[in-house]
């Protein structure tokens, strides 16, 4: 069964090719790419759940979710990970006369992300290091002032899942303009080689999780094992 929109627990996922999605996002809005390790928290973190529901676009980043949708629902799905989406999107921005804002978890990654984006000769790149936000109360007046001053067309939120989506909603609610807000978290770190050196083939065959474990077993082994709890939502 093929559907362009696939529903999971009230969250509508776009089940389309990158080029089709790229055309749709040009009108602005929030795009999210929730990983399985974050999706398992939607029952206990209602703010996170609501931020996913209120987003304009959600992509099928999780290979496990794709498999479960196929097995339990019979849906034919097109996995489009945050890594692959961001990789293709940044290539589209090559030499574009646009302003891009990168919201980063720390200064070091901010420098890496800025340098990576500038390699594509984007006219203006702004790096902003995010403070540590409260879990259930995202407020950042300084960020809103910078956004209003620079009016970026694209805002890449590169902080952790469960927080970045809430920040995206906060930004959207504070602006009259409608930028394209991309919540793909650490996806850019795969491009800068800050995280595991995966490539499109590894991503296509659903083995990104394995390379992350090999690269950083202390963090990603626990995260991957916890992701298995997603099966409960289908059973």
N, C-alpha and C. Protein backbone atom coordinates (compact mmCIF):
# COMPACT_ATOMS: atom_id res chain seq x y z
N UNK A 1 0.85 -1.19 0.00
CA UNK A 1 0.00 0.00 0.00
C UNK A 1 0.89 1.24 0.00
N UNK A 2 0.70 2.13 -0.98
CA UNK A 2 1.52 3.35 -1.04
C UNK A 2 0.69 4.57 -0.69
N UNK A 3 1.17 5.36 0.23
CA UNK A 3 0.53 6.61 0.62
C UNK A 3 1.58 7.71 0.67
N UNK A 4 1.21 8.92 0.19
CA UNK A 4 2.14 10.04 0.25
C UNK A 4 2.26 10.60 1.66
N UNK A 5 1.25 10.37 2.47
CA UNK A 5 1.30 10.76 3.88
C UNK A 5 1.06 9.51 4.71
N UNK A 6 1.98 9.19 5.59
CA UNK A 6 1.88 8.02 6.45
C UNK A 6 1.68 8.48 7.89
N UNK A 7 0.66 7.97 8.54
CA UNK A 7 0.34 8.38 9.89
C UNK A 7 0.91 7.42 10.92
N UNK A 8 1.57 7.97 11.91
CA UNK A 8 2.05 7.19 13.05
C UNK A 8 1.69 7.93 14.33
N UNK A 9 0.78 7.36 15.09
CA UNK A 9 0.39 7.92 16.39
C UNK A 9 -0.04 9.38 16.28
N UNK A 10 -0.72 9.71 15.20
CA UNK A 10 -1.21 11.08 15.03
C UNK A 10 -0.23 12.03 14.38
N UNK A 11 0.97 11.53 14.07
CA UNK A 11 2.00 12.34 13.42
C UNK A 11 2.01 12.00 11.93
N UNK A 12 1.90 13.01 11.08
CA UNK A 12 1.84 12.78 9.63
C UNK A 12 3.23 12.88 9.02
N UNK A 13 3.71 11.77 8.45
CA UNK A 13 5.02 11.73 7.83
C UNK A 13 4.90 11.83 6.32
N UNK A 14 5.73 12.68 5.71
CA UNK A 14 5.76 12.80 4.25
C UNK A 14 6.49 11.59 3.67
N UNK A 15 5.80 10.87 2.81
CA UNK A 15 6.36 9.66 2.21
C UNK A 15 6.60 9.92 0.72
N UNK A 16 7.47 10.92 0.45
CA UNK A 16 7.73 11.34 -0.92
C UNK A 16 9.23 11.51 -1.16
N UNK A 17 9.61 11.68 -2.43
CA UNK A 17 11.00 11.86 -2.79
C UNK A 17 11.49 13.24 -2.36
N UNK A 18 12.82 13.38 -2.27
CA UNK A 18 13.42 14.63 -1.83
C UNK A 18 12.99 15.82 -2.69
N UNK A 19 13.04 15.68 -4.01
CA UNK A 19 12.73 16.81 -4.89
C UNK A 19 11.31 17.32 -4.71
N UNK A 20 10.37 16.39 -4.48
CA UNK A 20 8.99 16.79 -4.23
C UNK A 20 8.88 17.55 -2.91
N UNK A 21 9.58 17.06 -1.91
CA UNK A 21 9.55 17.71 -0.61
C UNK A 21 10.24 19.07 -0.66
N UNK A 22 11.33 19.15 -1.40
CA UNK A 22 12.05 20.42 -1.54
C UNK A 22 11.14 21.51 -2.11
N UNK A 23 10.34 21.16 -3.09
CA UNK A 23 9.41 22.13 -3.67
C UNK A 23 8.36 22.56 -2.66
N UNK A 24 7.89 21.64 -1.85
CA UNK A 24 6.86 21.94 -0.88
C UNK A 24 7.36 22.88 0.23
N UNK A 25 8.61 22.70 0.67
CA UNK A 25 9.10 23.48 1.80
C UNK A 25 9.44 24.92 1.43
N UNK A 26 9.46 25.24 0.15
CA UNK A 26 9.83 26.59 -0.26
C UNK A 26 8.86 27.65 0.25
N UNK A 27 7.65 27.24 0.61
CA UNK A 27 6.68 28.18 1.16
C UNK A 27 6.95 28.48 2.64
N UNK A 28 7.91 27.75 3.23
CA UNK A 28 8.25 27.96 4.62
C UNK A 28 7.58 26.95 5.54
N UNK A 29 8.02 26.92 6.78
CA UNK A 29 7.47 25.99 7.75
C UNK A 29 8.56 25.20 8.46
N UNK A 30 8.13 24.28 9.29
CA UNK A 30 9.05 23.48 10.10
C UNK A 30 9.11 22.05 9.57
N UNK A 31 10.31 21.56 9.36
CA UNK A 31 10.52 20.17 8.98
C UNK A 31 11.24 19.45 10.11
N UNK A 32 10.71 18.30 10.53
CA UNK A 32 11.32 17.51 11.59
C UNK A 32 11.71 16.13 11.06
N UNK A 33 12.70 15.54 11.70
CA UNK A 33 13.18 14.22 11.30
C UNK A 33 13.42 13.39 12.55
N UNK A 34 12.35 13.00 13.25
CA UNK A 34 12.51 12.32 14.55
C UNK A 34 13.12 10.93 14.43
N UNK A 35 14.14 10.69 15.23
CA UNK A 35 14.77 9.37 15.30
C UNK A 35 13.94 8.47 16.21
N UNK A 36 14.14 7.16 16.07
CA UNK A 36 13.41 6.20 16.91
C UNK A 36 13.69 6.44 18.39
N UNK A 37 14.93 6.79 18.72
CA UNK A 37 15.30 7.02 20.12
C UNK A 37 14.57 8.20 20.73
N UNK A 38 14.09 9.12 19.89
CA UNK A 38 13.29 10.25 20.37
C UNK A 38 11.80 9.92 20.34
N UNK A 39 11.37 9.20 19.31
CA UNK A 39 9.95 8.86 19.18
C UNK A 39 9.41 8.04 20.34
N UNK A 40 10.27 7.27 20.98
CA UNK A 40 9.80 6.43 22.08
C UNK A 40 9.35 7.27 23.28
N UNK A 41 9.66 8.57 23.25
CA UNK A 41 9.31 9.45 24.38
C UNK A 41 8.02 10.24 24.17
N UNK A 42 7.32 9.99 23.06
CA UNK A 42 6.17 10.85 22.75
C UNK A 42 5.02 10.70 23.76
N UNK A 43 4.94 9.58 24.45
CA UNK A 43 3.87 9.41 25.44
C UNK A 43 4.15 10.16 26.73
N UNK A 44 5.40 10.25 27.13
CA UNK A 44 5.73 10.88 28.41
C UNK A 44 6.15 12.35 28.26
N UNK A 45 6.50 12.75 27.05
CA UNK A 45 6.86 14.15 26.81
C UNK A 45 5.84 14.75 25.84
N UNK A 46 4.76 15.28 26.40
CA UNK A 46 3.66 15.76 25.57
C UNK A 46 4.05 17.00 24.76
N UNK A 47 4.94 17.82 25.30
CA UNK A 47 5.39 19.00 24.55
C UNK A 47 6.13 18.58 23.29
N UNK A 48 6.93 17.56 23.43
CA UNK A 48 7.66 17.04 22.26
C UNK A 48 6.68 16.46 21.25
N UNK A 49 5.75 15.68 21.74
CA UNK A 49 4.74 15.08 20.87
C UNK A 49 3.95 16.15 20.13
N UNK A 50 3.53 17.18 20.85
CA UNK A 50 2.75 18.25 20.24
C UNK A 50 3.57 19.02 19.21
N UNK A 51 4.86 19.19 19.47
CA UNK A 51 5.71 19.90 18.52
C UNK A 51 5.84 19.11 17.21
N UNK A 52 5.86 17.78 17.29
CA UNK A 52 5.89 16.95 16.08
C UNK A 52 4.58 17.08 15.32
N UNK A 53 3.47 17.06 16.04
CA UNK A 53 2.16 17.17 15.40
C UNK A 53 1.96 18.54 14.75
N UNK A 54 2.52 19.57 15.36
CA UNK A 54 2.35 20.93 14.85
C UNK A 54 3.34 21.28 13.74
N UNK A 55 4.30 20.42 13.50
CA UNK A 55 5.27 20.70 12.44
C UNK A 55 4.57 20.63 11.08
N UNK A 56 5.16 21.27 10.09
CA UNK A 56 4.58 21.30 8.75
C UNK A 56 4.96 20.07 7.93
N UNK A 57 6.14 19.53 8.20
CA UNK A 57 6.63 18.36 7.48
C UNK A 57 7.40 17.46 8.44
N UNK A 58 7.18 16.17 8.33
CA UNK A 58 7.96 15.19 9.10
C UNK A 58 8.48 14.16 8.11
N UNK A 59 9.76 13.83 8.20
CA UNK A 59 10.32 12.84 7.27
C UNK A 59 10.67 11.56 8.01
N UNK A 60 10.72 10.49 7.24
CA UNK A 60 10.96 9.15 7.81
C UNK A 60 12.46 8.92 7.98
N UNK A 61 12.99 9.49 9.05
CA UNK A 61 14.41 9.37 9.35
C UNK A 61 14.77 7.99 9.90
N UNK A 62 13.86 7.41 10.65
CA UNK A 62 14.15 6.16 11.37
C UNK A 62 13.95 4.93 10.49
N UNK A 63 15.02 4.18 10.30
CA UNK A 63 14.92 2.92 9.57
C UNK A 63 14.02 1.93 10.28
N UNK A 64 14.09 1.92 11.62
CA UNK A 64 13.25 1.01 12.39
C UNK A 64 11.78 1.34 12.19
N UNK A 65 11.44 2.61 12.21
CA UNK A 65 10.05 3.01 11.98
C UNK A 65 9.58 2.58 10.59
N UNK A 66 10.44 2.73 9.59
CA UNK A 66 10.09 2.31 8.23
C UNK A 66 9.79 0.81 8.18
N UNK A 67 10.62 0.03 8.85
CA UNK A 67 10.43 -1.43 8.87
C UNK A 67 9.11 -1.78 9.58
N UNK A 68 8.85 -1.15 10.70
CA UNK A 68 7.64 -1.43 11.47
C UNK A 68 6.38 -1.02 10.70
N UNK A 69 6.44 0.10 9.99
CA UNK A 69 5.30 0.52 9.17
C UNK A 69 5.03 -0.47 8.05
N UNK A 70 6.09 -1.04 7.52
CA UNK A 70 5.94 -2.03 6.44
C UNK A 70 5.38 -3.35 6.98
N UNK A 71 5.91 -3.79 8.11
CA UNK A 71 5.51 -5.08 8.68
C UNK A 71 4.11 -5.04 9.27
N UNK A 72 3.81 -4.02 10.07
CA UNK A 72 2.53 -3.98 10.79
C UNK A 72 1.41 -3.29 10.02
N UNK A 73 1.77 -2.33 9.15
CA UNK A 73 0.74 -1.56 8.43
C UNK A 73 0.68 -1.89 6.94
N UNK A 74 1.72 -2.53 6.44
CA UNK A 74 1.76 -2.85 5.02
C UNK A 74 2.04 -1.66 4.13
N UNK A 75 2.62 -0.57 4.70
CA UNK A 75 2.90 0.63 3.92
C UNK A 75 4.23 0.50 3.19
N UNK A 76 4.27 0.93 1.94
CA UNK A 76 5.51 1.07 1.21
C UNK A 76 6.05 2.46 1.51
N UNK A 77 7.18 2.51 2.16
CA UNK A 77 7.69 3.82 2.62
C UNK A 77 9.03 4.15 1.96
N UNK A 78 9.27 5.45 1.84
CA UNK A 78 10.53 5.96 1.29
C UNK A 78 11.32 6.59 2.42
N UNK A 79 12.29 5.88 2.93
CA UNK A 79 13.12 6.42 4.00
C UNK A 79 13.88 7.63 3.49
N UNK A 80 13.77 8.73 4.20
CA UNK A 80 14.52 9.94 3.88
C UNK A 80 15.09 10.46 5.18
N UNK A 81 16.29 10.05 5.48
CA UNK A 81 16.90 10.41 6.75
C UNK A 81 17.24 11.89 6.81
N UNK A 82 17.40 12.38 8.03
CA UNK A 82 17.82 13.76 8.20
C UNK A 82 19.16 14.00 7.54
N UNK A 83 20.04 13.02 7.64
CA UNK A 83 21.37 13.11 7.01
C UNK A 83 21.26 13.29 5.51
N UNK A 84 20.47 12.44 4.85
CA UNK A 84 20.36 12.50 3.39
C UNK A 84 19.62 13.75 2.94
N UNK A 85 18.56 14.10 3.67
CA UNK A 85 17.80 15.30 3.34
C UNK A 85 18.70 16.54 3.41
N UNK A 86 19.43 16.68 4.51
CA UNK A 86 20.28 17.85 4.71
C UNK A 86 21.40 17.89 3.68
N UNK A 87 21.96 16.73 3.37
CA UNK A 87 23.03 16.65 2.37
C UNK A 87 22.56 17.17 1.01
N UNK A 88 21.38 16.73 0.61
CA UNK A 88 20.84 17.16 -0.68
C UNK A 88 20.41 18.62 -0.66
N UNK A 89 19.84 19.06 0.47
CA UNK A 89 19.37 20.43 0.58
C UNK A 89 20.53 21.41 0.48
N UNK A 90 21.63 21.14 1.20
CA UNK A 90 22.77 22.05 1.18
C UNK A 90 23.37 22.13 -0.22
N UNK A 91 23.38 21.03 -0.95
CA UNK A 91 23.86 21.06 -2.33
C UNK A 91 22.97 21.96 -3.19
N UNK A 92 21.68 21.98 -2.90
CA UNK A 92 20.75 22.85 -3.63
C UNK A 92 21.06 24.33 -3.38
N UNK A 93 21.68 24.62 -2.25
CA UNK A 93 21.93 26.00 -1.86
C UNK A 93 23.25 26.53 -2.41
N UNK A 94 23.95 25.74 -3.19
CA UNK A 94 25.25 26.14 -3.74
C UNK A 94 25.15 27.46 -4.50
N UNK A 95 25.93 28.43 -4.04
CA UNK A 95 25.99 29.76 -4.65
C UNK A 95 24.66 30.51 -4.63
N UNK A 96 23.76 30.11 -3.75
CA UNK A 96 22.47 30.78 -3.68
C UNK A 96 22.59 32.11 -2.90
N UNK A 97 21.84 33.09 -3.35
CA UNK A 97 21.82 34.40 -2.72
C UNK A 97 20.82 34.38 -1.56
N UNK A 98 21.13 33.60 -0.53
CA UNK A 98 20.24 33.45 0.62
C UNK A 98 21.03 33.58 1.91
N UNK A 99 20.30 33.80 3.00
CA UNK A 99 20.90 33.80 4.33
C UNK A 99 20.49 32.52 5.04
N UNK A 100 21.48 31.84 5.59
CA UNK A 100 21.24 30.59 6.33
C UNK A 100 21.72 30.78 7.76
N UNK A 101 20.88 30.43 8.72
CA UNK A 101 21.29 30.46 10.12
C UNK A 101 21.49 29.03 10.62
N UNK A 102 22.60 28.82 11.30
CA UNK A 102 22.91 27.52 11.89
C UNK A 102 22.87 27.65 13.41
N UNK A 103 21.92 26.96 14.03
CA UNK A 103 21.81 26.98 15.50
C UNK A 103 22.52 25.73 16.03
N UNK A 104 23.60 25.95 16.77
CA UNK A 104 24.52 24.87 17.11
C UNK A 104 24.59 24.59 18.61
N UNK A 105 24.97 23.36 18.98
CA UNK A 105 24.99 22.99 20.40
C UNK A 105 26.15 23.59 21.18
N UNK A 106 27.22 23.94 20.49
CA UNK A 106 28.38 24.54 21.17
C UNK A 106 29.24 25.28 20.15
N UNK A 107 30.20 26.04 20.64
CA UNK A 107 31.04 26.86 19.78
C UNK A 107 31.88 26.06 18.80
N UNK A 108 32.45 24.95 19.25
CA UNK A 108 33.30 24.14 18.38
C UNK A 108 32.52 23.60 17.18
N UNK A 109 31.34 23.06 17.44
CA UNK A 109 30.53 22.54 16.35
C UNK A 109 30.00 23.68 15.48
N UNK A 110 29.78 24.83 16.11
CA UNK A 110 29.35 26.00 15.35
C UNK A 110 30.39 26.38 14.29
N UNK A 111 31.66 26.33 14.67
CA UNK A 111 32.74 26.65 13.73
C UNK A 111 32.78 25.62 12.59
N UNK A 112 32.68 24.34 12.94
CA UNK A 112 32.68 23.28 11.92
C UNK A 112 31.51 23.44 10.96
N UNK A 113 30.34 23.69 11.51
CA UNK A 113 29.14 23.82 10.68
C UNK A 113 29.21 25.05 9.78
N UNK A 114 29.72 26.14 10.34
CA UNK A 114 29.87 27.37 9.56
C UNK A 114 30.82 27.14 8.37
N UNK A 115 31.95 26.54 8.65
CA UNK A 115 32.94 26.30 7.59
C UNK A 115 32.39 25.36 6.52
N UNK A 116 31.62 24.35 6.96
CA UNK A 116 31.05 23.42 6.00
C UNK A 116 30.05 24.13 5.08
N UNK A 117 29.18 24.94 5.65
CA UNK A 117 28.18 25.65 4.86
C UNK A 117 28.83 26.66 3.92
N UNK A 118 29.90 27.32 4.37
CA UNK A 118 30.57 28.30 3.52
C UNK A 118 31.27 27.66 2.33
N UNK A 119 31.59 26.39 2.43
CA UNK A 119 32.19 25.67 1.29
C UNK A 119 31.25 25.68 0.09
N UNK A 120 29.96 25.84 0.34
CA UNK A 120 28.98 25.84 -0.75
C UNK A 120 28.68 27.25 -1.25
N UNK A 121 29.49 28.19 -0.82
CA UNK A 121 29.43 29.57 -1.32
C UNK A 121 28.05 30.20 -1.16
N UNK A 122 27.39 29.86 -0.06
CA UNK A 122 26.13 30.51 0.29
C UNK A 122 26.44 31.95 0.67
N UNK A 123 25.60 32.88 0.22
CA UNK A 123 25.92 34.30 0.40
C UNK A 123 26.18 34.67 1.85
N UNK A 124 25.29 34.26 2.75
CA UNK A 124 25.42 34.69 4.15
C UNK A 124 25.10 33.54 5.09
N UNK A 125 26.03 33.20 5.96
CA UNK A 125 25.82 32.14 6.95
C UNK A 125 26.01 32.74 8.34
N UNK A 126 25.03 32.52 9.21
CA UNK A 126 25.08 33.02 10.58
C UNK A 126 25.12 31.84 11.54
N UNK A 127 26.09 31.84 12.43
CA UNK A 127 26.20 30.78 13.42
C UNK A 127 25.74 31.30 14.78
N UNK A 128 24.89 30.53 15.43
CA UNK A 128 24.38 30.90 16.75
C UNK A 128 24.51 29.71 17.69
N UNK A 129 25.20 29.92 18.81
CA UNK A 129 25.36 28.85 19.80
C UNK A 129 24.18 28.89 20.77
N UNK A 130 23.42 27.82 20.79
CA UNK A 130 22.21 27.77 21.62
C UNK A 130 22.58 27.63 23.10
N UNK A 131 21.84 28.29 23.97
CA UNK A 131 22.04 28.07 25.41
C UNK A 131 21.42 26.72 25.79
N UNK A 132 21.55 26.35 27.04
CA UNK A 132 20.90 25.12 27.51
C UNK A 132 19.46 25.48 27.86
N UNK A 133 18.53 24.95 27.08
CA UNK A 133 17.12 25.30 27.27
C UNK A 133 16.48 24.42 28.34
N UNK A 134 15.50 24.99 29.03
CA UNK A 134 14.70 24.20 29.96
C UNK A 134 13.85 23.21 29.15
N UNK A 135 13.67 22.04 29.67
CA UNK A 135 13.01 20.97 28.94
C UNK A 135 11.61 21.34 28.45
N UNK A 136 10.82 21.95 29.32
CA UNK A 136 9.43 22.22 28.98
C UNK A 136 9.11 23.70 28.82
N UNK A 137 10.15 24.53 28.69
CA UNK A 137 9.91 25.96 28.54
C UNK A 137 11.02 26.56 27.69
N UNK A 138 10.81 26.54 26.38
CA UNK A 138 11.81 27.06 25.46
C UNK A 138 11.56 28.55 25.23
N UNK A 139 12.50 29.37 25.69
CA UNK A 139 12.44 30.81 25.47
C UNK A 139 13.84 31.29 25.11
N UNK A 140 13.95 32.07 24.02
CA UNK A 140 15.25 32.61 23.61
C UNK A 140 15.03 33.92 22.88
N UNK A 141 14.91 35.00 23.64
CA UNK A 141 14.63 36.32 23.06
C UNK A 141 15.80 36.82 22.21
N UNK A 142 17.02 36.49 22.64
CA UNK A 142 18.20 36.91 21.88
C UNK A 142 18.18 36.30 20.48
N UNK A 143 17.83 35.03 20.39
CA UNK A 143 17.77 34.35 19.10
C UNK A 143 16.74 35.01 18.19
N UNK A 144 15.58 35.32 18.73
CA UNK A 144 14.51 35.94 17.92
C UNK A 144 14.96 37.29 17.39
N UNK A 145 15.68 38.07 18.20
CA UNK A 145 16.18 39.37 17.75
C UNK A 145 17.14 39.20 16.58
N UNK A 146 18.01 38.21 16.66
CA UNK A 146 18.98 37.97 15.59
C UNK A 146 18.27 37.53 14.31
N UNK A 147 17.27 36.67 14.46
CA UNK A 147 16.52 36.20 13.30
C UNK A 147 15.78 37.37 12.63
N UNK A 148 15.14 38.20 13.43
CA UNK A 148 14.40 39.34 12.87
C UNK A 148 15.33 40.33 12.17
N UNK A 149 16.52 40.49 12.71
CA UNK A 149 17.49 41.41 12.13
C UNK A 149 18.03 40.91 10.80
N UNK A 150 18.29 39.59 10.71
CA UNK A 150 18.96 39.03 9.52
C UNK A 150 18.01 38.36 8.53
N UNK A 151 16.80 38.06 8.99
CA UNK A 151 15.77 37.47 8.12
C UNK A 151 16.29 36.28 7.29
N UNK A 152 16.80 35.23 7.93
CA UNK A 152 17.30 34.08 7.17
C UNK A 152 16.16 33.33 6.48
N UNK A 153 16.44 32.83 5.28
CA UNK A 153 15.44 32.01 4.60
C UNK A 153 15.43 30.60 5.19
N UNK A 154 16.62 30.11 5.56
CA UNK A 154 16.75 28.77 6.14
C UNK A 154 17.32 28.87 7.55
N UNK A 155 16.73 28.13 8.46
CA UNK A 155 17.25 28.02 9.83
C UNK A 155 17.49 26.54 10.11
N UNK A 156 18.75 26.16 10.26
CA UNK A 156 19.10 24.78 10.57
C UNK A 156 19.27 24.66 12.09
N UNK A 157 18.43 23.86 12.71
CA UNK A 157 18.54 23.63 14.15
C UNK A 157 19.29 22.32 14.36
N UNK A 158 20.50 22.43 14.89
CA UNK A 158 21.41 21.28 14.97
C UNK A 158 21.60 20.78 16.40
N UNK A 159 20.64 21.03 17.26
CA UNK A 159 20.75 20.58 18.65
C UNK A 159 19.96 19.29 18.84
N UNK A 160 19.90 18.78 20.04
CA UNK A 160 19.36 17.45 20.31
C UNK A 160 17.87 17.29 20.02
N UNK A 161 17.50 16.06 19.61
CA UNK A 161 16.11 15.72 19.39
C UNK A 161 15.32 15.80 20.69
N UNK A 162 14.07 16.26 20.58
CA UNK A 162 13.26 16.46 21.77
C UNK A 162 13.28 17.89 22.23
N UNK A 163 14.34 18.62 21.87
CA UNK A 163 14.46 20.05 22.18
C UNK A 163 14.36 20.88 20.91
N UNK A 164 15.02 20.44 19.85
CA UNK A 164 15.05 21.23 18.62
C UNK A 164 13.65 21.46 18.04
N UNK A 165 12.78 20.45 18.14
CA UNK A 165 11.43 20.60 17.60
C UNK A 165 10.63 21.64 18.38
N UNK A 166 10.81 21.65 19.69
CA UNK A 166 10.14 22.66 20.53
C UNK A 166 10.67 24.05 20.20
N UNK A 167 11.98 24.14 19.98
CA UNK A 167 12.58 25.43 19.61
C UNK A 167 12.04 25.89 18.26
N UNK A 168 11.86 24.97 17.34
CA UNK A 168 11.31 25.31 16.03
C UNK A 168 9.93 25.92 16.14
N UNK A 169 9.09 25.33 16.98
CA UNK A 169 7.74 25.86 17.20
C UNK A 169 7.80 27.25 17.85
N UNK A 170 8.70 27.40 18.82
CA UNK A 170 8.88 28.70 19.48
C UNK A 170 9.26 29.77 18.47
N UNK A 171 10.20 29.47 17.60
CA UNK A 171 10.64 30.43 16.57
C UNK A 171 9.48 30.79 15.65
N UNK A 172 8.79 29.77 15.17
CA UNK A 172 7.68 30.03 14.24
C UNK A 172 6.61 30.92 14.86
N UNK A 173 6.32 30.69 16.14
CA UNK A 173 5.28 31.46 16.82
C UNK A 173 5.67 32.92 17.07
N UNK A 174 6.96 33.21 17.04
CA UNK A 174 7.44 34.56 17.35
C UNK A 174 7.70 35.40 16.10
N UNK A 175 7.54 34.82 14.92
CA UNK A 175 7.86 35.53 13.68
C UNK A 175 6.64 35.79 12.83
N UNK A 176 6.66 36.92 12.13
CA UNK A 176 5.64 37.19 11.12
C UNK A 176 6.07 36.58 9.79
N UNK A 177 7.37 36.55 9.56
CA UNK A 177 7.90 35.92 8.36
C UNK A 177 7.79 34.40 8.48
N UNK A 178 8.04 33.69 7.41
CA UNK A 178 7.91 32.24 7.44
C UNK A 178 9.16 31.58 6.86
N UNK A 179 10.24 31.53 7.64
CA UNK A 179 11.45 30.88 7.16
C UNK A 179 11.26 29.37 7.09
N UNK A 180 12.22 28.72 6.45
CA UNK A 180 12.23 27.26 6.37
C UNK A 180 13.07 26.77 7.54
N UNK A 181 12.43 26.16 8.53
CA UNK A 181 13.10 25.73 9.75
C UNK A 181 13.35 24.23 9.67
N UNK A 182 14.60 23.84 9.66
CA UNK A 182 15.00 22.44 9.47
C UNK A 182 15.50 21.86 10.78
N UNK A 183 14.76 20.93 11.36
CA UNK A 183 15.14 20.30 12.63
C UNK A 183 15.72 18.91 12.35
N UNK A 184 16.99 18.88 11.99
CA UNK A 184 17.63 17.59 11.71
C UNK A 184 18.76 17.29 12.69
N UNK A 185 18.84 18.06 13.75
CA UNK A 185 19.76 17.75 14.84
C UNK A 185 21.20 17.52 14.42
N UNK A 186 21.74 16.37 14.82
CA UNK A 186 23.15 16.07 14.59
C UNK A 186 23.44 15.62 13.17
N UNK A 187 22.45 15.67 12.27
CA UNK A 187 22.68 15.22 10.90
C UNK A 187 23.85 15.94 10.25
N UNK A 188 23.99 17.23 10.53
CA UNK A 188 25.08 17.99 9.92
C UNK A 188 26.44 17.51 10.43
N UNK A 189 26.46 16.90 11.61
CA UNK A 189 27.72 16.39 12.17
C UNK A 189 28.24 15.21 11.37
N UNK A 190 27.36 14.49 10.66
CA UNK A 190 27.83 13.42 9.78
C UNK A 190 28.50 14.01 8.55
N UNK A 191 28.03 15.17 8.13
CA UNK A 191 28.60 15.83 6.95
C UNK A 191 29.95 16.47 7.27
N UNK A 192 30.08 17.01 8.48
CA UNK A 192 31.34 17.64 8.88
C UNK A 192 32.35 16.62 9.40
N UNK A 193 31.92 15.36 9.52
CA UNK A 193 32.74 14.26 10.04
C UNK A 193 32.97 14.35 11.55
N UNK A 194 32.15 15.16 12.23
CA UNK A 194 32.23 15.23 13.68
C UNK A 194 31.69 13.93 14.28
N UNK A 195 30.71 13.32 13.60
CA UNK A 195 30.19 12.03 14.02
C UNK A 195 30.61 10.96 13.02
N UNK A 196 30.06 9.76 13.17
CA UNK A 196 30.46 8.61 12.36
C UNK A 196 30.45 8.93 10.86
N UNK A 197 31.49 8.53 10.14
CA UNK A 197 31.61 8.83 8.71
C UNK A 197 30.73 7.93 7.85
N UNK A 198 29.42 8.20 7.83
CA UNK A 198 28.53 7.40 7.01
C UNK A 198 28.41 8.03 5.62
N UNK A 199 27.84 7.28 4.69
CA UNK A 199 27.65 7.77 3.33
C UNK A 199 26.26 7.37 2.85
N UNK A 200 25.83 7.84 1.67
CA UNK A 200 24.47 7.54 1.19
C UNK A 200 24.17 6.04 1.08
N UNK A 201 25.16 5.22 0.73
CA UNK A 201 24.92 3.78 0.63
C UNK A 201 24.63 3.17 1.99
N UNK A 202 25.42 3.52 2.98
CA UNK A 202 25.20 3.03 4.35
C UNK A 202 23.82 3.46 4.84
N UNK A 203 23.45 4.70 4.55
CA UNK A 203 22.15 5.22 4.95
C UNK A 203 21.02 4.48 4.23
N UNK A 204 21.22 4.20 2.95
CA UNK A 204 20.18 3.56 2.14
C UNK A 204 19.86 2.16 2.61
N UNK A 205 20.88 1.43 3.08
CA UNK A 205 20.66 0.04 3.50
C UNK A 205 20.42 -0.07 5.02
N UNK A 206 20.06 1.07 5.62
CA UNK A 206 19.64 1.11 7.03
C UNK A 206 20.72 0.69 8.01
N UNK A 207 21.98 0.99 7.71
CA UNK A 207 23.06 0.58 8.61
C UNK A 207 23.76 1.75 9.30
N UNK A 208 23.15 2.92 9.22
CA UNK A 208 23.74 4.07 9.89
C UNK A 208 23.91 3.84 11.38
N UNK A 209 22.92 3.18 12.00
CA UNK A 209 22.97 2.92 13.44
C UNK A 209 24.19 2.08 13.82
N UNK A 210 24.57 1.12 12.95
CA UNK A 210 25.70 0.24 13.24
C UNK A 210 27.01 1.02 13.23
N UNK A 211 27.16 1.90 12.26
CA UNK A 211 28.39 2.69 12.17
C UNK A 211 28.48 3.69 13.32
N UNK A 212 27.34 4.17 13.80
CA UNK A 212 27.35 5.06 14.95
C UNK A 212 27.81 4.32 16.20
N UNK A 213 27.35 3.08 16.33
CA UNK A 213 27.77 2.27 17.49
C UNK A 213 29.27 2.01 17.44
N UNK A 214 29.78 1.66 16.26
CA UNK A 214 31.21 1.39 16.10
C UNK A 214 32.03 2.64 16.43
N UNK A 215 31.52 3.78 15.98
CA UNK A 215 32.24 5.04 16.15
C UNK A 215 32.20 5.53 17.59
N UNK A 216 31.05 5.34 18.26
CA UNK A 216 30.90 5.81 19.64
C UNK A 216 29.98 4.85 20.40
N UNK A 217 30.47 3.67 20.77
CA UNK A 217 29.62 2.65 21.40
C UNK A 217 29.01 3.07 22.72
N UNK A 218 29.71 3.89 23.49
CA UNK A 218 29.22 4.28 24.81
C UNK A 218 27.88 5.00 24.73
N UNK A 219 27.71 5.84 23.73
CA UNK A 219 26.48 6.61 23.58
C UNK A 219 25.46 5.88 22.72
N UNK A 220 25.89 5.41 21.55
CA UNK A 220 24.93 4.93 20.56
C UNK A 220 24.44 3.51 20.81
N UNK A 221 25.18 2.69 21.56
CA UNK A 221 24.69 1.35 21.86
C UNK A 221 23.45 1.43 22.75
N UNK A 222 23.53 2.26 23.78
CA UNK A 222 22.38 2.44 24.68
C UNK A 222 21.21 3.05 23.94
N UNK A 223 21.48 4.05 23.11
CA UNK A 223 20.43 4.73 22.36
C UNK A 223 19.74 3.78 21.38
N UNK A 224 20.53 2.93 20.73
CA UNK A 224 19.97 1.99 19.77
C UNK A 224 19.12 0.93 20.45
N UNK A 225 19.58 0.44 21.58
CA UNK A 225 18.83 -0.57 22.33
C UNK A 225 17.50 0.00 22.84
N UNK A 226 17.53 1.26 23.27
CA UNK A 226 16.30 1.88 23.77
C UNK A 226 15.30 2.10 22.64
N UNK A 227 15.79 2.25 21.41
CA UNK A 227 14.91 2.49 20.26
C UNK A 227 13.98 1.32 19.98
N UNK A 228 14.38 0.14 20.41
CA UNK A 228 13.57 -1.07 20.18
C UNK A 228 12.20 -0.94 20.85
N UNK A 229 12.09 -0.07 21.84
CA UNK A 229 10.81 0.14 22.53
C UNK A 229 9.74 0.67 21.57
N UNK A 230 10.16 1.13 20.39
CA UNK A 230 9.20 1.64 19.41
C UNK A 230 8.25 0.55 18.95
N UNK A 231 8.69 -0.70 19.04
CA UNK A 231 7.85 -1.82 18.65
C UNK A 231 6.56 -1.85 19.45
N UNK A 232 6.61 -1.42 20.72
CA UNK A 232 5.44 -1.43 21.60
C UNK A 232 4.29 -0.63 21.02
N UNK A 233 4.61 0.43 20.28
CA UNK A 233 3.56 1.29 19.72
C UNK A 233 2.74 0.56 18.67
N UNK A 234 3.31 -0.46 18.08
CA UNK A 234 2.61 -1.23 17.04
C UNK A 234 1.94 -2.46 17.62
N UNK A 235 2.53 -3.05 18.63
CA UNK A 235 1.96 -4.26 19.24
C UNK A 235 0.77 -3.88 20.12
